[in-house]
Amino acid sequence: MDLTMVLTRNPDAAYRIYDGQATVVLPDQAEVNVINPIGSLVWDRLDGTRTLGDILTLIVEEFDVTPEQARADLFAFVDSLREHRMVR
């Protein structure tokens, strides 16, 4: 995985962001996920147009986190989303 990757949310996923937290429903998998504010920002921006580098920049600008920590956390989170087939 690298910062030039462009991913998109699973088109079967339904989601709503309320009070900074995304609730994501995957009907085919009978799965509901609640995502914290940083994860919700990432989830919302995985629209098939932004690179992971673009999203990393947004995280660093929006939250009090170093670029190195943000990158490690972003990659771990995206790996988890991929494992659960929430992104493509």
Protein backbone atom coordinates (compact mmCIF):
# COMPACT_ATOMS: atom_id res chain seq x y z
CA MET A 1 0.00 0.00 0.00
CA ASP A 2 1.24 3.49 -0.80
CA LEU A 3 0.05 7.07 -0.74
CA THR A 4 -0.79 7.12 -4.47
CA MET A 5 -3.56 4.54 -4.05
CA VAL A 6 -7.11 5.62 -4.81
CA LEU A 7 -9.84 3.56 -3.14
CA THR A 8 -13.59 3.77 -3.11
CA ARG A 9 -16.23 2.71 -0.63
CA ASN A 10 -18.08 -0.53 -1.28
CA PRO A 11 -21.12 0.58 -3.35
CA ASP A 12 -23.34 -1.77 -1.34
CA ALA A 13 -22.46 0.01 1.92
CA ALA A 14 -24.93 2.47 3.35
CA TYR A 15 -23.63 5.04 5.80
CA ARG A 16 -24.50 8.13 7.74
CA ILE A 17 -22.19 10.43 9.66
CA TYR A 18 -23.76 11.75 12.84
CA ASP A 19 -21.94 13.81 15.42
CA GLY A 20 -18.59 13.03 13.76
CA GLN A 21 -19.00 9.25 13.74
CA ALA A 22 -19.92 7.18 10.73
CA THR A 23 -22.25 4.24 11.03
CA VAL A 24 -21.70 1.90 8.09
CA VAL A 25 -24.10 -0.90 7.18
CA LEU A 26 -23.05 -3.73 4.89
CA PRO A 27 -26.30 -5.58 4.15
CA ASP A 28 -24.69 -8.44 2.21
CA GLN A 29 -22.51 -9.24 5.21
CA ALA A 30 -25.11 -8.47 7.90
CA GLU A 31 -22.56 -6.13 9.44
CA VAL A 32 -22.79 -2.72 11.10
CA ASN A 33 -19.67 -0.69 11.92
CA VAL A 34 -19.35 2.50 13.93
CA ILE A 35 -16.24 4.50 13.07
CA ASN A 36 -14.50 7.14 15.20
CA PRO A 37 -14.10 10.75 13.96
CA ILE A 38 -10.74 10.27 12.22
CA GLY A 39 -11.90 7.04 10.62
CA SER A 40 -15.12 8.78 9.59
CA LEU A 41 -13.14 11.49 7.81
CA VAL A 42 -11.18 8.78 5.97
CA TRP A 43 -14.34 6.80 5.15
CA ASP A 44 -16.11 9.87 3.79
CA ARG A 45 -13.14 10.81 1.58
CA LEU A 46 -12.68 7.33 0.06
CA ASP A 47 -14.72 8.38 -2.95
CA GLY A 48 -12.56 7.10 -5.78
CA THR A 49 -11.08 10.53 -6.55
CA ARG A 50 -8.64 11.16 -3.68
CA THR A 51 -5.35 9.41 -3.09
CA LEU A 52 -4.40 8.14 0.34
CA GLY A 53 -1.83 10.95 0.32
CA ASP A 54 -4.62 13.51 -0.11
CA ILE A 55 -6.49 11.97 2.79
CA LEU A 56 -3.34 11.88 4.92
CA THR A 57 -2.91 15.63 4.37
CA LEU A 58 -6.49 16.23 5.52
CA ILE A 59 -5.95 14.16 8.68
CA VAL A 60 -2.78 16.06 9.62
CA GLU A 61 -4.51 19.41 9.00
CA GLU A 62 -7.68 18.49 10.90
CA PHE A 63 -6.33 16.55 13.90
CA ASP A 64 -3.46 16.93 16.34
CA VAL A 65 -1.30 14.10 15.00
CA THR A 66 2.13 13.83 13.41
CA PRO A 67 2.36 12.88 9.74
CA GLU A 68 4.22 9.69 10.67
CA GLN A 69 1.57 8.56 13.16
CA ALA A 70 -1.24 9.57 10.81
CA ARG A 71 0.29 7.53 7.99
CA ALA A 72 0.69 4.42 10.17
CA ASP A 73 -2.86 4.75 11.47
CA LEU A 74 -4.28 5.43 7.99
CA PHE A 75 -2.63 2.35 6.53
CA ALA A 76 -3.79 0.16 9.43
CA PHE A 77 -7.34 1.49 9.12
CA VAL A 78 -7.46 1.00 5.35
CA ASP A 79 -6.12 -2.55 5.79
CA SER A 80 -9.00 -3.22 8.17
CA LEU A 81 -11.52 -1.74 5.73
CA ARG A 82 -10.13 -3.96 2.99
CA GLU A 83 -10.32 -7.05 5.20
CA HIS A 84 -14.01 -6.34 5.83
CA ARG A 85 -14.59 -5.66 2.10
CA MET A 86 -15.72 -2.13 2.89
CA VAL A 87 -13.50 -0.56 0.21
CA ARG A 88 -12.23 -1.45 -3.23
